[in-house]
Amino acid sequence: MTGRKKEAETAVKAAEKAGYRVNPRLKDDIKRM
């Protein structure tokens, strides 16, 4: 939301590593940033 793509990508990886299912739409939105 605040335009920090690199941090968003890192946070998604950490969430998934922790076993959390990240919404695919969020991942797509981050990819398109």
PDB file of all heavy atoms in Angstrom:
ATOM      1  N   MET A   1       0.823  -1.220   0.000  1.00  0.00           N
ATOM      2  CA  MET A   1       0.000   0.000   0.000  1.00  0.00           C
ATOM      3  C   MET A   1       0.851   1.261   0.000  1.00  0.00           C
ATOM      4  O   MET A   1       0.428   2.295  -0.520  1.00  0.00           O
ATOM      5  CB  MET A   1      -0.910   0.040   1.232  1.00  0.00           C
ATOM      6  CG  MET A   1      -2.041  -0.942   1.204  1.00  0.00           C
ATOM      7  SD  MET A   1      -2.973  -0.898   2.756  1.00  0.00           S
ATOM      8  CE  MET A   1      -3.431   0.831   2.837  1.00  0.00           C
ATOM      9  N   THR A   2       2.020   1.177   0.599  1.00  0.00           N
ATOM     10  CA  THR A   2       2.874   2.360   0.723  1.00  0.00           C
ATOM     11  C   THR A   2       4.002   2.366  -0.304  1.00  0.00           C
ATOM     12  O   THR A   2       4.960   3.138  -0.172  1.00  0.00           O
ATOM     13  CB  THR A   2       3.429   2.477   2.160  1.00  0.00           C
ATOM     14  OG1 THR A   2       4.124   1.275   2.501  1.00  0.00           O
ATOM     15  CG2 THR A   2       2.312   2.725   3.165  1.00  0.00           C
ATOM     16  N   GLY A   3       3.904   1.500  -1.311  1.00  0.00           N
ATOM     17  CA  GLY A   3       4.830   1.531  -2.433  1.00  0.00           C
ATOM     18  C   GLY A   3       6.199   0.936  -2.178  1.00  0.00           C
ATOM     19  O   GLY A   3       7.146   1.249  -2.891  1.00  0.00           O
ATOM     20  N   ARG A   4       6.321   0.088  -1.174  1.00  0.00           N
ATOM     21  CA  ARG A   4       7.614  -0.508  -0.839  1.00  0.00           C
ATOM     22  C   ARG A   4       7.660  -1.959  -1.333  1.00  0.00           C
ATOM     23  O   ARG A   4       7.476  -2.898  -0.572  1.00  0.00           O
ATOM     24  CB  ARG A   4       7.865  -0.419   0.665  1.00  0.00           C
ATOM     25  CG  ARG A   4       7.996   1.027   1.118  1.00  0.00           C
ATOM     26  CD  ARG A   4       8.295   1.136   2.586  1.00  0.00           C
ATOM     27  NE  ARG A   4       7.040   1.075   3.340  1.00  0.00           N
ATOM     28  CZ  ARG A   4       6.989   1.021   4.662  1.00  0.00           C
ATOM     29  NH1 ARG A   4       8.077   0.977   5.383  1.00  0.00           N
ATOM     30  NH2 ARG A   4       5.825   0.993   5.263  1.00  0.00           N
ATOM     31  N   LYS A   5       7.897  -2.105  -2.626  1.00  0.00           N
ATOM     32  CA  LYS A   5       7.833  -3.409  -3.284  1.00  0.00           C
ATOM     33  C   LYS A   5       8.817  -4.413  -2.684  1.00  0.00           C
ATOM     34  O   LYS A   5       8.440  -5.547  -2.389  1.00  0.00           O
ATOM     35  CB  LYS A   5       8.080  -3.267  -4.782  1.00  0.00           C
ATOM     36  CG  LYS A   5       7.989  -4.585  -5.531  1.00  0.00           C
ATOM     37  CD  LYS A   5       8.151  -4.409  -7.021  1.00  0.00           C
ATOM     38  CE  LYS A   5       7.954  -5.742  -7.720  1.00  0.00           C
ATOM     39  NZ  LYS A   5       7.901  -5.579  -9.171  1.00  0.00           N
ATOM     40  N   LYS A   6      10.060  -4.032  -2.545  1.00  0.00           N
ATOM     41  CA  LYS A   6      11.084  -4.968  -2.054  1.00  0.00           C
ATOM     42  C   LYS A   6      10.716  -5.483  -0.660  1.00  0.00           C
ATOM     43  O   LYS A   6      10.811  -6.677  -0.382  1.00  0.00           O
ATOM     44  CB  LYS A   6      12.450  -4.297  -2.041  1.00  0.00           C
ATOM     45  CG  LYS A   6      13.579  -5.221  -1.634  1.00  0.00           C
ATOM     46  CD  LYS A   6      14.919  -4.557  -1.840  1.00  0.00           C
ATOM     47  CE  LYS A   6      15.587  -5.355  -2.917  1.00  0.00           C
ATOM     48  NZ  LYS A   6      16.754  -4.813  -3.505  1.00  0.00           N
ATOM     49  N   GLU A   7      10.298  -4.587   0.229  1.00  0.00           N
ATOM     50  CA  GLU A   7       9.896  -4.987   1.579  1.00  0.00           C
ATOM     51  C   GLU A   7       8.665  -5.891   1.534  1.00  0.00           C
ATOM     52  O   GLU A   7       8.575  -6.855   2.299  1.00  0.00           O
ATOM     53  CB  GLU A   7       9.625  -3.768   2.459  1.00  0.00           C
ATOM     54  CG  GLU A   7      10.864  -2.976   2.802  1.00  0.00           C
ATOM     55  CD  GLU A   7      11.125  -1.823   1.846  1.00  0.00           C
ATOM     56  OE1 GLU A   7      10.707  -1.890   0.668  1.00  0.00           O
ATOM     57  OE2 GLU A   7      11.782  -0.855   2.265  1.00  0.00           O
ATOM     58  N   ALA A   8       7.722  -5.577   0.626  1.00  0.00           N
ATOM     59  CA  ALA A   8       6.520  -6.395   0.487  1.00  0.00           C
ATOM     60  C   ALA A   8       6.878  -7.815   0.043  1.00  0.00           C
ATOM     61  O   ALA A   8       6.357  -8.795   0.581  1.00  0.00           O
ATOM     62  CB  ALA A   8       5.549  -5.749  -0.502  1.00  0.00           C
ATOM     63  N   GLU A   9       7.776  -7.925  -0.926  1.00  0.00           N
ATOM     64  CA  GLU A   9       8.201  -9.244  -1.405  1.00  0.00           C
ATOM     65  C   GLU A   9       8.876 -10.043  -0.282  1.00  0.00           C
ATOM     66  O   GLU A   9       8.615 -11.244  -0.121  1.00  0.00           O
ATOM     67  CB  GLU A   9       9.148  -9.101  -2.591  1.00  0.00           C
ATOM     68  CG  GLU A   9       8.484  -8.577  -3.833  1.00  0.00           C
ATOM     69  CD  GLU A   9       9.464  -8.193  -4.945  1.00  0.00           C
ATOM     70  OE1 GLU A   9      10.646  -7.877  -4.641  1.00  0.00           O
ATOM     71  OE2 GLU A   9       9.040  -8.210  -6.104  1.00  0.00           O
ATOM     72  N   THR A  10       9.707  -9.380   0.477  1.00  0.00           N
ATOM     73  CA  THR A  10      10.398 -10.041   1.593  1.00  0.00           C
ATOM     74  C   THR A  10       9.398 -10.514   2.645  1.00  0.00           C
ATOM     75  O   THR A  10       9.510 -11.625   3.173  1.00  0.00           O
ATOM     76  CB  THR A  10      11.435  -9.083   2.218  1.00  0.00           C
ATOM     77  OG1 THR A  10      12.375  -8.709   1.208  1.00  0.00           O
ATOM     78  CG2 THR A  10      12.152  -9.719   3.389  1.00  0.00           C
ATOM     79  N   ALA A  11       8.406  -9.686   2.944  1.00  0.00           N
ATOM     80  CA  ALA A  11       7.393 -10.043   3.940  1.00  0.00           C
ATOM     81  C   ALA A  11       6.539 -11.220   3.460  1.00  0.00           C
ATOM     82  O   ALA A  11       6.188 -12.094   4.260  1.00  0.00           O
ATOM     83  CB  ALA A  11       6.519  -8.834   4.269  1.00  0.00           C
ATOM     84  N   VAL A  12       6.223 -11.265   2.165  1.00  0.00           N
ATOM     85  CA  VAL A  12       5.463 -12.402   1.618  1.00  0.00           C
ATOM     86  C   VAL A  12       6.261 -13.688   1.787  1.00  0.00           C
ATOM     87  O   VAL A  12       5.727 -14.715   2.235  1.00  0.00           O
ATOM     88  CB  VAL A  12       5.092 -12.174   0.131  1.00  0.00           C
ATOM     89  CG1 VAL A  12       4.650 -13.472  -0.541  1.00  0.00           C
ATOM     90  CG2 VAL A  12       3.997 -11.124   0.010  1.00  0.00           C
ATOM     91  N   LYS A  13       7.529 -13.645   1.455  1.00  0.00           N
ATOM     92  CA  LYS A  13       8.375 -14.836   1.605  1.00  0.00           C
ATOM     93  C   LYS A  13       8.423 -15.295   3.058  1.00  0.00           C
ATOM     94  O   LYS A  13       8.352 -16.494   3.342  1.00  0.00           O
ATOM     95  CB  LYS A  13       9.787 -14.557   1.082  1.00  0.00           C
ATOM     96  CG  LYS A  13       9.859 -14.471  -0.421  1.00  0.00           C
ATOM     97  CD  LYS A  13      11.272 -14.130  -0.884  1.00  0.00           C
ATOM     98  CE  LYS A  13      11.275 -13.862  -2.386  1.00  0.00           C
ATOM     99  NZ  LYS A  13      12.540 -13.308  -2.843  1.00  0.00           N
ATOM    100  N   ALA A  14       8.547 -14.360   3.974  1.00  0.00           N
ATOM    101  CA  ALA A  14       8.597 -14.706   5.401  1.00  0.00           C
ATOM    102  C   ALA A  14       7.271 -15.301   5.864  1.00  0.00           C
ATOM    103  O   ALA A  14       7.250 -16.263   6.643  1.00  0.00           O
ATOM    104  CB  ALA A  14       8.954 -13.480   6.231  1.00  0.00           C
ATOM    105  N   ALA A  15       6.157 -14.749   5.381  1.00  0.00           N
ATOM    106  CA  ALA A  15       4.842 -15.285   5.749  1.00  0.00           C
ATOM    107  C   ALA A  15       4.695 -16.719   5.264  1.00  0.00           C
ATOM    108  O   ALA A  15       4.252 -17.603   6.014  1.00  0.00           O
ATOM    109  CB  ALA A  15       3.733 -14.403   5.170  1.00  0.00           C
ATOM    110  N   GLU A  16       5.076 -16.950   4.019  1.00  0.00           N
ATOM    111  CA  GLU A  16       4.959 -18.298   3.463  1.00  0.00           C
ATOM    112  C   GLU A  16       5.915 -19.274   4.152  1.00  0.00           C
ATOM    113  O   GLU A  16       5.545 -20.428   4.406  1.00  0.00           O
ATOM    114  CB  GLU A  16       5.181 -18.268   1.949  1.00  0.00           C
ATOM    115  CG  GLU A  16       4.053 -17.561   1.239  1.00  0.00           C
ATOM    116  CD  GLU A  16       4.218 -17.459  -0.259  1.00  0.00           C
ATOM    117  OE1 GLU A  16       5.370 -17.366  -0.746  1.00  0.00           O
ATOM    118  OE2 GLU A  16       3.178 -17.482  -0.945  1.00  0.00           O
ATOM    119  N   LYS A  17       7.093 -18.817   4.472  1.00  0.00           N
ATOM    120  CA  LYS A  17       8.054 -19.669   5.182  1.00  0.00           C
ATOM    121  C   LYS A  17       7.498 -20.075   6.541  1.00  0.00           C
ATOM    122  O   LYS A  17       7.742 -21.178   7.022  1.00  0.00           O
ATOM    123  CB  LYS A  17       9.383 -18.939   5.344  1.00  0.00           C
ATOM    124  CG  LYS A  17      10.448 -19.765   6.011  1.00  0.00           C
ATOM    125  CD  LYS A  17      11.763 -19.028   6.100  1.00  0.00           C
ATOM    126  CE  LYS A  17      12.796 -19.902   6.795  1.00  0.00           C
ATOM    127  NZ  LYS A  17      14.039 -19.181   7.018  1.00  0.00           N
ATOM    128  N   ALA A  18       6.730 -19.185   7.152  1.00  0.00           N
ATOM    129  CA  ALA A  18       6.112 -19.469   8.451  1.00  0.00           C
ATOM    130  C   ALA A  18       4.872 -20.352   8.315  1.00  0.00           C
ATOM    131  O   ALA A  18       4.258 -20.711   9.310  1.00  0.00           O
ATOM    132  CB  ALA A  18       5.759 -18.165   9.157  1.00  0.00           C
ATOM    133  N   GLY A  19       4.506 -20.690   7.072  1.00  0.00           N
ATOM    134  CA  GLY A  19       3.355 -21.558   6.853  1.00  0.00           C
ATOM    135  C   GLY A  19       2.041 -20.829   6.641  1.00  0.00           C
ATOM    136  O   GLY A  19       0.979 -21.449   6.626  1.00  0.00           O
ATOM    137  N   TYR A  20       2.091 -19.522   6.475  1.00  0.00           N
ATOM    138  CA  TYR A  20       0.872 -18.731   6.277  1.00  0.00           C
ATOM    139  C   TYR A  20       0.521 -18.702   4.794  1.00  0.00           C
ATOM    140  O   TYR A  20       1.396 -18.503   3.957  1.00  0.00           O
ATOM    141  CB  TYR A  20       1.078 -17.304   6.793  1.00  0.00           C
ATOM    142  CG  TYR A  20      -0.190 -16.511   6.872  1.00  0.00           C
ATOM    143  CD1 TYR A  20      -1.016 -16.596   7.980  1.00  0.00           C
ATOM    144  CD2 TYR A  20      -0.581 -15.679   5.828  1.00  0.00           C
ATOM    145  CE1 TYR A  20      -2.189 -15.879   8.059  1.00  0.00           C
ATOM    146  CE2 TYR A  20      -1.750 -14.958   5.898  1.00  0.00           C
ATOM    147  CZ  TYR A  20      -2.557 -15.061   7.018  1.00  0.00           C
ATOM    148  OH  TYR A  20      -3.727 -14.353   7.080  1.00  0.00           O
ATOM    149  N   ARG A  21      -0.742 -18.900   4.467  1.00  0.00           N
ATOM    150  CA  ARG A  21      -1.189 -18.862   3.077  1.00  0.00           C
ATOM    151  C   ARG A  21      -1.480 -17.408   2.693  1.00  0.00           C
ATOM    152  O   ARG A  21      -2.448 -16.808   3.152  1.00  0.00           O
ATOM    153  CB  ARG A  21      -2.442 -19.698   2.864  1.00  0.00           C
ATOM    154  CG  ARG A  21      -2.849 -19.739   1.414  1.00  0.00           C
ATOM    155  CD  ARG A  21      -4.177 -20.475   1.228  1.00  0.00           C
ATOM    156  NE  ARG A  21      -4.624 -20.373  -0.140  1.00  0.00           N
ATOM    157  CZ  ARG A  21      -5.251 -19.332  -0.671  1.00  0.00           C
ATOM    158  NH1 ARG A  21      -5.490 -18.267   0.051  1.00  0.00           N
ATOM    159  NH2 ARG A  21      -5.633 -19.334  -1.929  1.00  0.00           N
ATOM    160  N   VAL A  22      -0.622 -16.853   1.862  1.00  0.00           N
ATOM    161  CA  VAL A  22      -0.770 -15.472   1.403  1.00  0.00           C
ATOM    162  C   VAL A  22      -1.758 -15.453   0.245  1.00  0.00           C
ATOM    163  O   VAL A  22      -1.692 -16.286  -0.659  1.00  0.00           O
ATOM    164  CB  VAL A  22       0.598 -14.891   0.965  1.00  0.00           C
ATOM    165  CG1 VAL A  22       0.451 -13.492   0.406  1.00  0.00           C
ATOM    166  CG2 VAL A  22       1.574 -14.907   2.137  1.00  0.00           C
ATOM    167  N   ASN A  23      -2.665 -14.508   0.273  1.00  0.00           N
ATOM    168  CA  ASN A  23      -3.664 -14.372  -0.782  1.00  0.00           C
ATOM    169  C   ASN A  23      -2.960 -14.169  -2.130  1.00  0.00           C
ATOM    170  O   ASN A  23      -2.130 -13.262  -2.271  1.00  0.00           O
ATOM    171  CB  ASN A  23      -4.566 -13.177  -0.464  1.00  0.00           C
ATOM    172  CG  ASN A  23      -5.729 -13.043  -1.414  1.00  0.00           C
ATOM    173  OD1 ASN A  23      -5.569 -13.121  -2.624  1.00  0.00           O
ATOM    174  ND2 ASN A  23      -6.900 -12.823  -0.853  1.00  0.00           N
ATOM    175  N   PRO A  24      -3.309 -14.983  -3.133  1.00  0.00           N
ATOM    176  CA  PRO A  24      -2.671 -14.842  -4.441  1.00  0.00           C
ATOM    177  C   PRO A  24      -2.855 -13.457  -5.053  1.00  0.00           C
ATOM    178  O   PRO A  24      -1.987 -12.975  -5.783  1.00  0.00           O
ATOM    179  CB  PRO A  24      -3.346 -15.911  -5.298  1.00  0.00           C
ATOM    180  CG  PRO A  24      -3.938 -16.879  -4.331  1.00  0.00           C
ATOM    181  CD  PRO A  24      -4.229 -16.103  -3.084  1.00  0.00           C
ATOM    182  N   ARG A  25      -3.952 -12.812  -4.753  1.00  0.00           N
ATOM    183  CA  ARG A  25      -4.178 -11.468  -5.292  1.00  0.00           C
ATOM    184  C   ARG A  25      -3.158 -10.475  -4.747  1.00  0.00           C
ATOM    185  O   ARG A  25      -2.658  -9.613  -5.474  1.00  0.00           O
ATOM    186  CB  ARG A  25      -5.590 -10.998  -4.982  1.00  0.00           C
ATOM    187  CG  ARG A  25      -5.886  -9.652  -5.603  1.00  0.00           C
ATOM    188  CD  ARG A  25      -7.317  -9.282  -5.490  1.00  0.00           C
ATOM    189  NE  ARG A  25      -7.493  -7.932  -6.014  1.00  0.00           N
ATOM    190  CZ  ARG A  25      -8.588  -7.261  -5.923  1.00  0.00           C
ATOM    191  NH1 ARG A  25      -9.644  -7.792  -5.360  1.00  0.00           N
ATOM    192  NH2 ARG A  25      -8.668  -6.044  -6.414  1.00  0.00           N
ATOM    193  N   LEU A  26      -2.829 -10.598  -3.452  1.00  0.00           N
ATOM    194  CA  LEU A  26      -1.805  -9.730  -2.872  1.00  0.00           C
ATOM    195  C   LEU A  26      -0.472  -9.961  -3.575  1.00  0.00           C
ATOM    196  O   LEU A  26       0.213  -9.015  -3.943  1.00  0.00           O
ATOM    197  CB  LEU A  26      -1.666  -9.972  -1.369  1.00  0.00           C
ATOM    198  CG  LEU A  26      -0.525  -9.218  -0.667  1.00  0.00           C
ATOM    199  CD1 LEU A  26      -0.657  -7.707  -0.837  1.00  0.00           C
ATOM    200  CD2 LEU A  26      -0.469  -9.601   0.809  1.00  0.00           C
ATOM    201  N   LYS A  27      -0.126 -11.233  -3.784  1.00  0.00           N
ATOM    202  CA  LYS A  27       1.140 -11.532  -4.457  1.00  0.00           C
ATOM    203  C   LYS A  27       1.146 -10.964  -5.880  1.00  0.00           C
ATOM    204  O   LYS A  27       2.150 -10.401  -6.315  1.00  0.00           O
ATOM    205  CB  LYS A  27       1.384 -13.042  -4.467  1.00  0.00           C
ATOM    206  CG  LYS A  27       1.630 -13.583  -3.073  1.00  0.00           C
ATOM    207  CD  LYS A  27       2.235 -14.960  -3.021  1.00  0.00           C
ATOM    208  CE  LYS A  27       1.410 -16.041  -3.599  1.00  0.00           C
ATOM    209  NZ  LYS A  27       1.951 -17.384  -3.323  1.00  0.00           N
ATOM    210  N   ASP A  28       0.029 -11.075  -6.593  1.00  0.00           N
ATOM    211  CA  ASP A  28      -0.058 -10.509  -7.940  1.00  0.00           C
ATOM    212  C   ASP A  28       0.063  -8.997  -7.925  1.00  0.00           C
ATOM    213  O   ASP A  28       0.733  -8.398  -8.765  1.00  0.00           O
ATOM    214  CB  ASP A  28      -1.367 -10.919  -8.623  1.00  0.00           C
ATOM    215  CG  ASP A  28      -1.406 -12.382  -9.007  1.00  0.00           C
ATOM    216  OD1 ASP A  28      -0.331 -13.031  -9.089  1.00  0.00           O
ATOM    217  OD2 ASP A  28      -2.524 -12.900  -9.237  1.00  0.00           O
ATOM    218  N   ASP A  29      -0.617  -8.372  -6.960  1.00  0.00           N
ATOM    219  CA  ASP A  29      -0.542  -6.901  -6.838  1.00  0.00           C
ATOM    220  C   ASP A  29       0.901  -6.451  -6.597  1.00  0.00           C
ATOM    221  O   ASP A  29       1.350  -5.464  -7.179  1.00  0.00           O
ATOM    222  CB  ASP A  29      -1.435  -6.410  -5.698  1.00  0.00           C
ATOM    223  CG  ASP A  29      -2.917  -6.501  -6.020  1.00  0.00           C
ATOM    224  OD1 ASP A  29      -3.279  -6.719  -7.210  1.00  0.00           O
ATOM    225  OD2 ASP A  29      -3.732  -6.370  -5.061  1.00  0.00           O
ATOM    226  N   ILE A  30       1.617  -7.192  -5.770  1.00  0.00           N
ATOM    227  CA  ILE A  30       3.010  -6.834  -5.481  1.00  0.00           C
ATOM    228  C   ILE A  30       3.866  -7.022  -6.725  1.00  0.00           C
ATOM    229  O   ILE A  30       4.705  -6.173  -7.035  1.00  0.00           O
ATOM    230  CB  ILE A  30       3.543  -7.660  -4.283  1.00  0.00           C
ATOM    231  CG1 ILE A  30       2.820  -7.237  -2.999  1.00  0.00           C
ATOM    232  CG2 ILE A  30       5.054  -7.492  -4.138  1.00  0.00           C
ATOM    233  CD1 ILE A  30       3.048  -8.151  -1.809  1.00  0.00           C
ATOM    234  N   LYS A  31       3.636  -8.096  -7.465  1.00  0.00           N
ATOM    235  CA  LYS A  31       4.410  -8.332  -8.704  1.00  0.00           C
ATOM    236  C   LYS A  31       4.224  -7.201  -9.702  1.00  0.00           C
ATOM    237  O   LYS A  31       5.141  -6.839 -10.431  1.00  0.00           O
ATOM    238  CB  LYS A  31       3.983  -9.651  -9.352  1.00  0.00           C
ATOM    239  CG  LYS A  31       4.596 -10.863  -8.725  1.00  0.00           C
ATOM    240  CD  LYS A  31       4.164 -12.105  -9.478  1.00  0.00           C
ATOM    241  CE  LYS A  31       4.602 -13.356  -8.739  1.00  0.00           C
ATOM    242  NZ  LYS A  31       4.107 -14.565  -9.356  1.00  0.00           N
ATOM    243  N   ARG A  32       3.018  -6.646  -9.755  1.00  0.00           N
ATOM    244  CA  ARG A  32       2.714  -5.585 -10.731  1.00  0.00           C
ATOM    245  C   ARG A  32       3.205  -4.218 -10.279  1.00  0.00           C
ATOM    246  O   ARG A  32       3.153  -3.258 -11.063  1.00  0.00           O
ATOM    247  CB  ARG A  32       1.210  -5.538 -10.978  1.00  0.00           C
ATOM    248  CG  ARG A  32       0.704  -6.672 -11.847  1.00  0.00           C
ATOM    249  CD  ARG A  32      -0.692  -6.402 -12.370  1.00  0.00           C
ATOM    250  NE  ARG A  32      -1.651  -6.216 -11.292  1.00  0.00           N
ATOM    251  CZ  ARG A  32      -2.379  -7.199 -10.766  1.00  0.00           C
ATOM    252  NH1 ARG A  32      -2.251  -8.411 -11.185  1.00  0.00           N
ATOM    253  NH2 ARG A  32      -3.231  -6.936  -9.783  1.00  0.00           N
ATOM    254  N   MET A  33       3.668  -4.116  -9.056  1.00  0.00           N
ATOM    255  CA  MET A  33       4.166  -2.806  -8.573  1.00  0.00           C
ATOM    256  C   MET A  33       5.428  -2.428  -9.324  1.00  0.00           C
ATOM    257  O   MET A  33       6.237  -3.302  -9.661  1.00  0.00           O
ATOM    258  CB  MET A  33       4.500  -2.896  -7.070  1.00  0.00           C
ATOM    259  CG  MET A  33       3.319  -3.001  -6.161  1.00  0.00           C
ATOM    260  SD  MET A  33       3.838  -3.222  -4.427  1.00  0.00           S
ATOM    261  CE  MET A  33       4.593  -1.615  -4.103  1.00  0.00           C
TER     262      MET A  33
END
